[in-house]
Amino acid sequence: STLEEILGCQNTIFFGGDCISMIDYLFWPWFERLDVYGIADC
């Protein structure tokens, strides 16, 4: 929810702005694993 608020305040697709940057790649591995971990409903 906190990350959702940040994206909402920025009004951008990516956390770094309008295109992918370092922060997006640093976050990504845990989101890729949500489904296989069984917690995609989060």
ModelCIF file with pLDDT and N, C-alpha, C, O atoms, coordinates in Angstrom:
data_MODEL
#
_entry.id   MODEL 
#
_entity.id                         1 
_entity.type                       polymer 
_entity.pdbx_number_of_molecules   1 
#
_entity_poly.entity_id                      1 
_entity_poly.type                           'polypeptide(L)' 
_entity_poly.nstd_linkage                   no 
_entity_poly.nstd_monomer                   no 
_entity_poly.pdbx_seq_one_letter_code       STLEEILGCQNTIFFGGDCISMIDYLFWPWFERLDVYGIADC 
_entity_poly.pdbx_seq_one_letter_code_can   STLEEILGCQNTIFFGGDCISMIDYLFWPWFERLDVYGIADC 
_entity_poly.pdbx_strand_id                 A 
#
loop_
_entity_poly_seq.entity_id 
_entity_poly_seq.num 
_entity_poly_seq.mon_id 
_entity_poly_seq.hetero 
1 1  SER n 
1 2  THR n 
1 3  LEU n 
1 4  GLU n 
1 5  GLU n 
1 6  ILE n 
1 7  LEU n 
1 8  GLY n 
1 9  CYS n 
1 10 GLN n 
1 11 ASN n 
1 12 THR n 
1 13 ILE n 
1 14 PHE n 
1 15 PHE n 
1 16 GLY n 
1 17 GLY n 
1 18 ASP n 
1 19 CYS n 
1 20 ILE n 
1 21 SER n 
1 22 MET n 
1 23 ILE n 
1 24 ASP n 
1 25 TYR n 
1 26 LEU n 
1 27 PHE n 
1 28 TRP n 
1 29 PRO n 
1 30 TRP n 
1 31 PHE n 
1 32 GLU n 
1 33 ARG n 
1 34 LEU n 
1 35 ASP n 
1 36 VAL n 
1 37 TYR n 
1 38 GLY n 
1 39 ILE n 
1 40 ALA n 
1 41 ASP n 
1 42 CYS n 
#
_struct_asym.id          A 
_struct_asym.entity_id   1 
#
loop_
_ma_qa_metric.id 
_ma_qa_metric.mode 
_ma_qa_metric.name 
_ma_qa_metric.software_group_id 
_ma_qa_metric.type 
1 global pLDDT . pLDDT 
2 local  pLDDT . pLDDT 
#
_ma_qa_metric_global.metric_id      1 
_ma_qa_metric_global.metric_value   96.93 
_ma_qa_metric_global.model_id       1 
_ma_qa_metric_global.ordinal_id     1 
#
loop_
_ma_qa_metric_local.label_asym_id 
_ma_qa_metric_local.label_comp_id 
_ma_qa_metric_local.label_seq_id 
_ma_qa_metric_local.metric_id 
_ma_qa_metric_local.metric_value 
_ma_qa_metric_local.model_id 
_ma_qa_metric_local.ordinal_id 
A SER 1  2 98.00 1 1  
A THR 2  2 97.00 1 2  
A LEU 3  2 98.00 1 3  
A GLU 4  2 98.00 1 4  
A GLU 5  2 97.00 1 5  
A ILE 6  2 97.00 1 6  
A LEU 7  2 97.00 1 7  
A GLY 8  2 96.00 1 8  
A CYS 9  2 95.00 1 9  
A GLN 10 2 94.00 1 10 
A ASN 11 2 95.00 1 11 
A THR 12 2 96.00 1 12 
A ILE 13 2 96.00 1 13 
A PHE 14 2 98.00 1 14 
A PHE 15 2 97.00 1 15 
A GLY 16 2 93.00 1 16 
A GLY 17 2 93.00 1 17 
A ASP 18 2 92.00 1 18 
A CYS 19 2 95.00 1 19 
A ILE 20 2 97.00 1 20 
A SER 21 2 97.00 1 21 
A MET 22 2 98.00 1 22 
A ILE 23 2 98.00 1 23 
A ASP 24 2 98.00 1 24 
A TYR 25 2 98.00 1 25 
A LEU 26 2 98.00 1 26 
A PHE 27 2 98.00 1 27 
A TRP 28 2 98.00 1 28 
A PRO 29 2 98.00 1 29 
A TRP 30 2 98.00 1 30 
A PHE 31 2 98.00 1 31 
A GLU 32 2 98.00 1 32 
A ARG 33 2 98.00 1 33 
A LEU 34 2 98.00 1 34 
A ASP 35 2 97.00 1 35 
A VAL 36 2 98.00 1 36 
A TYR 37 2 98.00 1 37 
A GLY 38 2 97.00 1 38 
A ILE 39 2 98.00 1 39 
A ALA 40 2 98.00 1 40 
A ASP 41 2 97.00 1 41 
A CYS 42 2 98.00 1 42 
#
loop_
_atom_site.group_PDB 
_atom_site.id 
_atom_site.type_symbol 
_atom_site.label_atom_id 
_atom_site.label_alt_id 
_atom_site.label_comp_id 
_atom_site.label_asym_id 
_atom_site.label_entity_id 
_atom_site.label_seq_id 
_atom_site.pdbx_PDB_ins_code 
_atom_site.Cartn_x 
_atom_site.Cartn_y 
_atom_site.Cartn_z 
_atom_site.occupancy 
_atom_site.B_iso_or_equiv 
_atom_site.pdbx_formal_charge 
_atom_site.auth_seq_id 
_atom_site.auth_comp_id 
_atom_site.auth_asym_id 
_atom_site.auth_atom_id 
_atom_site.pdbx_PDB_model_num 
ATOM 1   N N  . SER A 1 1  ? 0.836  -1.211  0.000   1.00 98.00 ? 1  SER A N  1 
ATOM 2   C CA . SER A 1 1  ? 0.000  0.000   0.000   1.00 98.00 ? 1  SER A CA 1 
ATOM 3   C C  . SER A 1 1  ? 0.868  1.256   0.000   1.00 98.00 ? 1  SER A C  1 
ATOM 4   O O  . SER A 1 1  ? 0.546  2.241   -0.666  1.00 98.00 ? 1  SER A O  1 
ATOM 5   N N  . THR A 1 2  ? 1.963  1.216   0.747   1.00 97.00 ? 2  THR A N  1 
ATOM 6   C CA . THR A 1 2  ? 2.891  2.353   0.770   1.00 97.00 ? 2  THR A CA 1 
ATOM 7   C C  . THR A 1 2  ? 3.490  2.590   -0.611  1.00 97.00 ? 2  THR A C  1 
ATOM 8   O O  . THR A 1 2  ? 3.592  3.730   -1.064  1.00 97.00 ? 2  THR A O  1 
ATOM 9   N N  . LEU A 1 3  ? 3.885  1.507   -1.279  1.00 98.00 ? 3  LEU A N  1 
ATOM 10  C CA . LEU A 1 3  ? 4.428  1.639   -2.629  1.00 98.00 ? 3  LEU A CA 1 
ATOM 11  C C  . LEU A 1 3  ? 3.365  2.132   -3.606  1.00 98.00 ? 3  LEU A C  1 
ATOM 12  O O  . LEU A 1 3  ? 3.662  2.903   -4.519  1.00 98.00 ? 3  LEU A O  1 
ATOM 13  N N  . GLU A 1 4  ? 2.149  1.692   -3.413  1.00 98.00 ? 4  GLU A N  1 
ATOM 14  C CA . GLU A 1 4  ? 1.025  2.163   -4.241  1.00 98.00 ? 4  GLU A CA 1 
ATOM 15  C C  . GLU A 1 4  ? 0.845  3.669   -4.102  1.00 98.00 ? 4  GLU A C  1 
ATOM 16  O O  . GLU A 1 4  ? 0.633  4.368   -5.093  1.00 98.00 ? 4  GLU A O  1 
ATOM 17  N N  . GLU A 1 5  ? 0.930  4.160   -2.886  1.00 97.00 ? 5  GLU A N  1 
ATOM 18  C CA . GLU A 1 5  ? 0.792  5.601   -2.646  1.00 97.00 ? 5  GLU A CA 1 
ATOM 19  C C  . GLU A 1 5  ? 1.895  6.388   -3.352  1.00 97.00 ? 5  GLU A C  1 
ATOM 20  O O  . GLU A 1 5  ? 1.654  7.465   -3.896  1.00 97.00 ? 5  GLU A O  1 
ATOM 21  N N  . ILE A 1 6  ? 3.095  5.841   -3.334  1.00 97.00 ? 6  ILE A N  1 
ATOM 22  C CA . ILE A 1 6  ? 4.216  6.518   -3.986  1.00 97.00 ? 6  ILE A CA 1 
ATOM 23  C C  . ILE A 1 6  ? 3.978  6.636   -5.485  1.00 97.00 ? 6  ILE A C  1 
ATOM 24  O O  . ILE A 1 6  ? 4.167  7.706   -6.063  1.00 97.00 ? 6  ILE A O  1 
ATOM 25  N N  . LEU A 1 7  ? 3.563  5.541   -6.115  1.00 97.00 ? 7  LEU A N  1 
ATOM 26  C CA . LEU A 1 7  ? 3.268  5.591   -7.547  1.00 97.00 ? 7  LEU A CA 1 
ATOM 27  C C  . LEU A 1 7  ? 2.141  6.575   -7.844  1.00 97.00 ? 7  LEU A C  1 
ATOM 28  O O  . LEU A 1 7  ? 2.176  7.286   -8.849  1.00 97.00 ? 7  LEU A O  1 
ATOM 29  N N  . GLY A 1 8  ? 1.142  6.610   -6.966  1.00 96.00 ? 8  GLY A N  1 
ATOM 30  C CA . GLY A 1 8  ? 0.031  7.541   -7.141  1.00 96.00 ? 8  GLY A CA 1 
ATOM 31  C C  . GLY A 1 8  ? 0.469  8.991   -7.054  1.00 96.00 ? 8  GLY A C  1 
ATOM 32  O O  . GLY A 1 8  ? 0.040  9.827   -7.850  1.00 96.00 ? 8  GLY A O  1 
ATOM 33  N N  . CYS A 1 9  ? 1.320  9.285   -6.093  1.00 95.00 ? 9  CYS A N  1 
ATOM 34  C CA . CYS A 1 9  ? 1.814  10.663  -5.926  1.00 95.00 ? 9  CYS A CA 1 
ATOM 35  C C  . CYS A 1 9  ? 2.704  11.084  -7.093  1.00 95.00 ? 9  CYS A C  1 
ATOM 36  O O  . CYS A 1 9  ? 2.673  12.237  -7.524  1.00 95.00 ? 9  CYS A O  1 
ATOM 37  N N  . GLN A 1 10 ? 3.490  10.145  -7.598  1.00 94.00 ? 10 GLN A N  1 
ATOM 38  C CA . GLN A 1 10 ? 4.373  10.455  -8.719  1.00 94.00 ? 10 GLN A CA 1 
ATOM 39  C C  . GLN A 1 10 ? 3.616  10.571  -10.030 1.00 94.00 ? 10 GLN A C  1 
ATOM 40  O O  . GLN A 1 10 ? 3.999  11.319  -10.930 1.00 94.00 ? 10 GLN A O  1 
ATOM 41  N N  . ASN A 1 11 ? 2.518  9.803   -10.118 1.00 95.00 ? 11 ASN A N  1 
ATOM 42  C CA . ASN A 1 11 ? 1.738  9.717   -11.357 1.00 95.00 ? 11 ASN A CA 1 
ATOM 43  C C  . ASN A 1 11 ? 2.609  9.220   -12.513 1.00 95.00 ? 11 ASN A C  1 
ATOM 44  O O  . ASN A 1 11 ? 2.546  9.746   -13.625 1.00 95.00 ? 11 ASN A O  1 
ATOM 45  N N  . THR A 1 12 ? 3.418  8.202   -12.231 1.00 96.00 ? 12 THR A N  1 
ATOM 46  C CA . THR A 1 12 ? 4.269  7.576   -13.247 1.00 96.00 ? 12 THR A CA 1 
ATOM 47  C C  . THR A 1 12 ? 4.080  6.068   -13.196 1.00 96.00 ? 12 THR A C  1 
ATOM 48  O O  . THR A 1 12 ? 3.640  5.521   -12.185 1.00 96.00 ? 12 THR A O  1 
ATOM 49  N N  . ILE A 1 13 ? 4.417  5.401   -14.296 1.00 96.00 ? 13 ILE A N  1 
ATOM 50  C CA . ILE A 1 13 ? 4.335  3.934   -14.333 1.00 96.00 ? 13 ILE A CA 1 
ATOM 51  C C  . ILE A 1 13 ? 5.426  3.308   -13.481 1.00 96.00 ? 13 ILE A C  1 
ATOM 52  O O  . ILE A 1 13 ? 5.183  2.344   -12.755 1.00 96.00 ? 13 ILE A O  1 
ATOM 53  N N  . PHE A 1 14 ? 6.635  3.864   -13.574 1.00 98.00 ? 14 PHE A N  1 
ATOM 54  C CA . PHE A 1 14 ? 7.796  3.278   -12.897 1.00 98.00 ? 14 PHE A CA 1 
ATOM 55  C C  . PHE A 1 14 ? 8.177  4.090   -11.667 1.00 98.00 ? 14 PHE A C  1 
ATOM 56  O O  . PHE A 1 14 ? 7.851  5.272   -11.562 1.00 98.00 ? 14 PHE A O  1 
ATOM 57  N N  . PHE A 1 15 ? 8.867  3.444   -10.743 1.00 97.00 ? 15 PHE A N  1 
ATOM 58  C CA . PHE A 1 15 ? 9.252  4.137   -9.515  1.00 97.00 ? 15 PHE A CA 1 
ATOM 59  C C  . PHE A 1 15 ? 10.295 5.217   -9.781  1.00 97.00 ? 15 PHE A C  1 
ATOM 60  O O  . PHE A 1 15 ? 10.395 6.193   -9.037  1.00 97.00 ? 15 PHE A O  1 
ATOM 61  N N  . GLY A 1 16 ? 11.077 5.034   -10.857 1.00 93.00 ? 16 GLY A N  1 
ATOM 62  C CA . GLY A 1 16 ? 12.075 6.035   -11.184 1.00 93.00 ? 16 GLY A CA 1 
ATOM 63  C C  . GLY A 1 16 ? 11.572 7.132   -12.099 1.00 93.00 ? 16 GLY A C  1 
ATOM 64  O O  . GLY A 1 16 ? 12.316 8.064   -12.405 1.00 93.00 ? 16 GLY A O  1 
ATOM 65  N N  . GLY A 1 17 ? 10.319 7.045   -12.546 1.00 93.00 ? 17 GLY A N  1 
ATOM 66  C CA . GLY A 1 17 ? 9.776  8.055   -13.457 1.00 93.00 ? 17 GLY A CA 1 
ATOM 67  C C  . GLY A 1 17 ? 9.064  7.421   -14.629 1.00 93.00 ? 17 GLY A C  1 
ATOM 68  O O  . GLY A 1 17 ? 8.319  6.455   -14.464 1.00 93.00 ? 17 GLY A O  1 
ATOM 69  N N  . ASP A 1 18 ? 9.293  7.968   -15.826 1.00 92.00 ? 18 ASP A N  1 
ATOM 70  C CA . ASP A 1 18 ? 8.582  7.507   -17.014 1.00 92.00 ? 18 ASP A CA 1 
ATOM 71  C C  . ASP A 1 18 ? 9.226  6.303   -17.686 1.00 92.00 ? 18 ASP A C  1 
ATOM 72  O O  . ASP A 1 18 ? 8.633  5.713   -18.589 1.00 92.00 ? 18 ASP A O  1 
ATOM 73  N N  . CYS A 1 19 ? 10.416 5.932   -17.265 1.00 95.00 ? 19 CYS A N  1 
ATOM 74  C CA . CYS A 1 19 ? 11.065 4.746   -17.829 1.00 95.00 ? 19 CYS A CA 1 
ATOM 75  C C  . CYS A 1 19 ? 11.758 3.977   -16.706 1.00 95.00 ? 19 CYS A C  1 
ATOM 76  O O  . CYS A 1 19 ? 11.979 4.503   -15.616 1.00 95.00 ? 19 CYS A O  1 
ATOM 77  N N  . ILE A 1 20 ? 12.096 2.723   -16.997 1.00 97.00 ? 20 ILE A N  1 
ATOM 78  C CA . ILE A 1 20 ? 12.727 1.862   -15.993 1.00 97.00 ? 20 ILE A CA 1 
ATOM 79  C C  . ILE A 1 20 ? 14.088 2.424   -15.591 1.00 97.00 ? 20 ILE A C  1 
ATOM 80  O O  . ILE A 1 20 ? 14.862 2.880   -16.432 1.00 97.00 ? 20 ILE A O  1 
ATOM 81  N N  . SER A 1 21 ? 14.360 2.382   -14.301 1.00 97.00 ? 21 SER A N  1 
ATOM 82  C CA . SER A 1 21 ? 15.668 2.793   -13.798 1.00 97.00 ? 21 SER A CA 1 
ATOM 83  C C  . SER A 1 21 ? 16.119 1.809   -12.723 1.00 97.00 ? 21 SER A C  1 
ATOM 84  O O  . SER A 1 21 ? 15.487 0.774   -12.512 1.00 97.00 ? 21 SER A O  1 
ATOM 85  N N  . MET A 1 22 ? 17.198 2.135   -12.058 1.00 98.00 ? 22 MET A N  1 
ATOM 86  C CA . MET A 1 22 ? 17.796 1.221   -11.097 1.00 98.00 ? 22 MET A CA 1 
ATOM 87  C C  . MET A 1 22 ? 16.806 0.740   -10.038 1.00 98.00 ? 22 MET A C  1 
ATOM 88  O O  . MET A 1 22 ? 16.757 -0.451  -9.735  1.00 98.00 ? 22 MET A O  1 
ATOM 89  N N  . ILE A 1 23 ? 16.030 1.643   -9.483  1.00 98.00 ? 23 ILE A N  1 
ATOM 90  C CA . ILE A 1 23 ? 15.137 1.272   -8.377  1.00 98.00 ? 23 ILE A CA 1 
ATOM 91  C C  . ILE A 1 23 ? 14.120 0.213   -8.792  1.00 98.00 ? 23 ILE A C  1 
ATOM 92  O O  . ILE A 1 23 ? 13.777 -0.663  -7.999  1.00 98.00 ? 23 ILE A O  1 
ATOM 93  N N  . ASP A 1 24 ? 13.639 0.290   -10.028 1.00 98.00 ? 24 ASP A N  1 
ATOM 94  C CA . ASP A 1 24 ? 12.674 -0.697  -10.511 1.00 98.00 ? 24 ASP A CA 1 
ATOM 95  C C  . ASP A 1 24 ? 13.302 -2.087  -10.572 1.00 98.00 ? 24 ASP A C  1 
ATOM 96  O O  . ASP A 1 24 ? 12.683 -3.073  -10.170 1.00 98.00 ? 24 ASP A O  1 
ATOM 97  N N  . TYR A 1 25 ? 14.534 -2.159  -11.076 1.00 98.00 ? 25 TYR A N  1 
ATOM 98  C CA . TYR A 1 25 ? 15.215 -3.449  -11.128 1.00 98.00 ? 25 TYR A CA 1 
ATOM 99  C C  . TYR A 1 25 ? 15.522 -3.984  -9.723  1.00 98.00 ? 25 TYR A C  1 
ATOM 100 O O  . TYR A 1 25 ? 15.469 -5.192  -9.493  1.00 98.00 ? 25 TYR A O  1 
ATOM 101 N N  . LEU A 1 26 ? 15.840 -3.091  -8.794  1.00 98.00 ? 26 LEU A N  1 
ATOM 102 C CA . LEU A 1 26 ? 16.143 -3.543  -7.429  1.00 98.00 ? 26 LEU A CA 1 
ATOM 103 C C  . LEU A 1 26 ? 14.909 -4.104  -6.731  1.00 98.00 ? 26 LEU A C  1 
ATOM 104 O O  . LEU A 1 26 ? 15.026 -5.001  -5.895  1.00 98.00 ? 26 LEU A O  1 
ATOM 105 N N  . PHE A 1 27 ? 13.733 -3.589  -7.062  1.00 98.00 ? 27 PHE A N  1 
ATOM 106 C CA . PHE A 1 27 ? 12.481 -4.095  -6.482  1.00 98.00 ? 27 PHE A CA 1 
ATOM 107 C C  . PHE A 1 27 ? 12.023 -5.400  -7.134  1.00 98.00 ? 27 PHE A C  1 
ATOM 108 O O  . PHE A 1 27 ? 11.469 -6.270  -6.463  1.00 98.00 ? 27 PHE A O  1 
ATOM 109 N N  . TRP A 1 28 ? 12.252 -5.534  -8.430  1.00 98.00 ? 28 TRP A N  1 
ATOM 110 C CA . TRP A 1 28 ? 11.549 -6.527  -9.238  1.00 98.00 ? 28 TRP A CA 1 
ATOM 111 C C  . TRP A 1 28 ? 11.634 -7.980  -8.763  1.00 98.00 ? 28 TRP A C  1 
ATOM 112 O O  . TRP A 1 28 ? 10.595 -8.640  -8.752  1.00 98.00 ? 28 TRP A O  1 
ATOM 113 N N  . PRO A 1 29 ? 12.781 -8.527  -8.373  1.00 98.00 ? 29 PRO A N  1 
ATOM 114 C CA . PRO A 1 29 ? 12.832 -9.964  -8.084  1.00 98.00 ? 29 PRO A CA 1 
ATOM 115 C C  . PRO A 1 29 ? 11.775 -10.461 -7.103  1.00 98.00 ? 29 PRO A C  1 
ATOM 116 O O  . PRO A 1 29 ? 11.295 -11.586 -7.244  1.00 98.00 ? 29 PRO A O  1 
ATOM 117 N N  . TRP A 1 30 ? 11.405 -9.660  -6.124  1.00 98.00 ? 30 TRP A N  1 
ATOM 118 C CA . TRP A 1 30 ? 10.416 -10.108 -5.145  1.00 98.00 ? 30 TRP A CA 1 
ATOM 119 C C  . TRP A 1 30 ? 9.003  -10.088 -5.724  1.00 98.00 ? 30 TRP A C  1 
ATOM 120 O O  . TRP A 1 30 ? 8.157  -10.882 -5.312  1.00 98.00 ? 30 TRP A O  1 
ATOM 121 N N  . PHE A 1 31 ? 8.741  -9.205  -6.658  1.00 98.00 ? 31 PHE A N  1 
ATOM 122 C CA . PHE A 1 31 ? 7.430  -9.185  -7.303  1.00 98.00 ? 31 PHE A CA 1 
ATOM 123 C C  . PHE A 1 31 ? 7.290  -10.337 -8.289  1.00 98.00 ? 31 PHE A C  1 
ATOM 124 O O  . PHE A 1 31 ? 6.210  -10.911 -8.429  1.00 98.00 ? 31 PHE A O  1 
ATOM 125 N N  . GLU A 1 32 ? 8.372  -10.673 -8.970  1.00 98.00 ? 32 GLU A N  1 
ATOM 126 C CA . GLU A 1 32 ? 8.322  -11.826 -9.878  1.00 98.00 ? 32 GLU A CA 1 
ATOM 127 C C  . GLU A 1 32 ? 7.992  -13.104 -9.108  1.00 98.00 ? 32 GLU A C  1 
ATOM 128 O O  . GLU A 1 32 ? 7.388  -14.021 -9.665  1.00 98.00 ? 32 GLU A O  1 
ATOM 129 N N  . ARG A 1 33 ? 8.380  -13.171 -7.842  1.00 98.00 ? 33 ARG A N  1 
ATOM 130 C CA . ARG A 1 33 ? 8.185  -14.382 -7.049  1.00 98.00 ? 33 ARG A CA 1 
ATOM 131 C C  . ARG A 1 33 ? 6.839  -14.468 -6.341  1.00 98.00 ? 33 ARG A C  1 
ATOM 132 O O  . ARG A 1 33 ? 6.536  -15.504 -5.750  1.00 98.00 ? 33 ARG A O  1 
ATOM 133 N N  . LEU A 1 34 ? 6.028  -13.427 -6.377  1.00 98.00 ? 34 LEU A N  1 
ATOM 134 C CA . LEU A 1 34 ? 4.759  -13.442 -5.630  1.00 98.00 ? 34 LEU A CA 1 
ATOM 135 C C  . LEU A 1 34 ? 3.884  -14.631 -6.017  1.00 98.00 ? 34 LEU A C  1 
ATOM 136 O O  . LEU A 1 34 ? 3.330  -15.305 -5.148  1.00 98.00 ? 34 LEU A O  1 
ATOM 137 N N  . ASP A 1 35 ? 3.760  -14.887 -7.301  1.00 97.00 ? 35 ASP A N  1 
ATOM 138 C CA . ASP A 1 35 ? 2.887  -15.967 -7.761  1.00 97.00 ? 35 ASP A CA 1 
ATOM 139 C C  . ASP A 1 35 ? 3.415  -17.328 -7.339  1.00 97.00 ? 35 ASP A C  1 
ATOM 140 O O  . ASP A 1 35 ? 2.673  -18.143 -6.789  1.00 97.00 ? 35 ASP A O  1 
ATOM 141 N N  . VAL A 1 36 ? 4.701  -17.578 -7.594  1.00 98.00 ? 36 VAL A N  1 
ATOM 142 C CA . VAL A 1 36 ? 5.252  -18.883 -7.264  1.00 98.00 ? 36 VAL A CA 1 
ATOM 143 C C  . VAL A 1 36 ? 5.318  -19.101 -5.751  1.00 98.00 ? 36 VAL A C  1 
ATOM 144 O O  . VAL A 1 36 ? 5.288  -20.242 -5.290  1.00 98.00 ? 36 VAL A O  1 
ATOM 145 N N  . TYR A 1 37 ? 5.408  -18.020 -4.976  1.00 98.00 ? 37 TYR A N  1 
ATOM 146 C CA . TYR A 1 37 ? 5.383  -18.138 -3.519  1.00 98.00 ? 37 TYR A CA 1 
ATOM 147 C C  . TYR A 1 37 ? 3.963  -18.338 -2.977  1.00 98.00 ? 37 TYR A C  1 
ATOM 148 O O  . TYR A 1 37 ? 3.784  -18.698 -1.813  1.00 98.00 ? 37 TYR A O  1 
ATOM 149 N N  . GLY A 1 38 ? 2.967  -18.104 -3.819  1.00 97.00 ? 38 GLY A N  1 
ATOM 150 C CA . GLY A 1 38 ? 1.580  -18.273 -3.388  1.00 97.00 ? 38 GLY A CA 1 
ATOM 151 C C  . GLY A 1 38 ? 0.985  -17.071 -2.695  1.00 97.00 ? 38 GLY A C  1 
ATOM 152 O O  . GLY A 1 38 ? 0.042  -17.203 -1.915  1.00 97.00 ? 38 GLY A O  1 
ATOM 153 N N  . ILE A 1 39 ? 1.534  -15.882 -2.976  1.00 98.00 ? 39 ILE A N  1 
ATOM 154 C CA . ILE A 1 39 ? 1.064  -14.671 -2.278  1.00 98.00 ? 39 ILE A CA 1 
ATOM 155 C C  . ILE A 1 39 ? 0.729  -13.538 -3.259  1.00 98.00 ? 39 ILE A C  1 
ATOM 156 O O  . ILE A 1 39 ? 0.832  -12.359 -2.920  1.00 98.00 ? 39 ILE A O  1 
ATOM 157 N N  . ALA A 1 40 ? 0.326  -13.921 -4.484  1.00 98.00 ? 40 ALA A N  1 
ATOM 158 C CA . ALA A 1 40 ? -0.025 -12.907 -5.480  1.00 98.00 ? 40 ALA A CA 1 
ATOM 159 C C  . ALA A 1 40 ? -1.249 -12.097 -5.064  1.00 98.00 ? 40 ALA A C  1 
ATOM 160 O O  . ALA A 1 40 ? -1.457 -10.987 -5.554  1.00 98.00 ? 40 ALA A O  1 
ATOM 161 N N  . ASP A 1 41 ? -2.059 -12.650 -4.161  1.00 97.00 ? 41 ASP A N  1 
ATOM 162 C CA . ASP A 1 41 ? -3.250 -11.922 -3.695  1.00 97.00 ? 41 ASP A CA 1 
ATOM 163 C C  . ASP A 1 41 ? -2.887 -10.700 -2.837  1.00 97.00 ? 41 ASP A C  1 
ATOM 164 O O  . ASP A 1 41 ? -3.764 -9.913  -2.482  1.00 97.00 ? 41 ASP A O  1 
ATOM 165 N N  . CYS A 1 42 ? -1.616 -10.543 -2.509  1.00 98.00 ? 42 CYS A N  1 
ATOM 166 C CA . CYS A 1 42 ? -1.201 -9.404  -1.689  1.00 98.00 ? 42 CYS A CA 1 
ATOM 167 C C  . CYS A 1 42 ? -1.119 -8.097  -2.471  1.00 98.00 ? 42 CYS A C  1 
ATOM 168 O O  . CYS A 1 42 ? -0.782 -7.058  -1.903  1.00 98.00 ? 42 CYS A O  1 
#
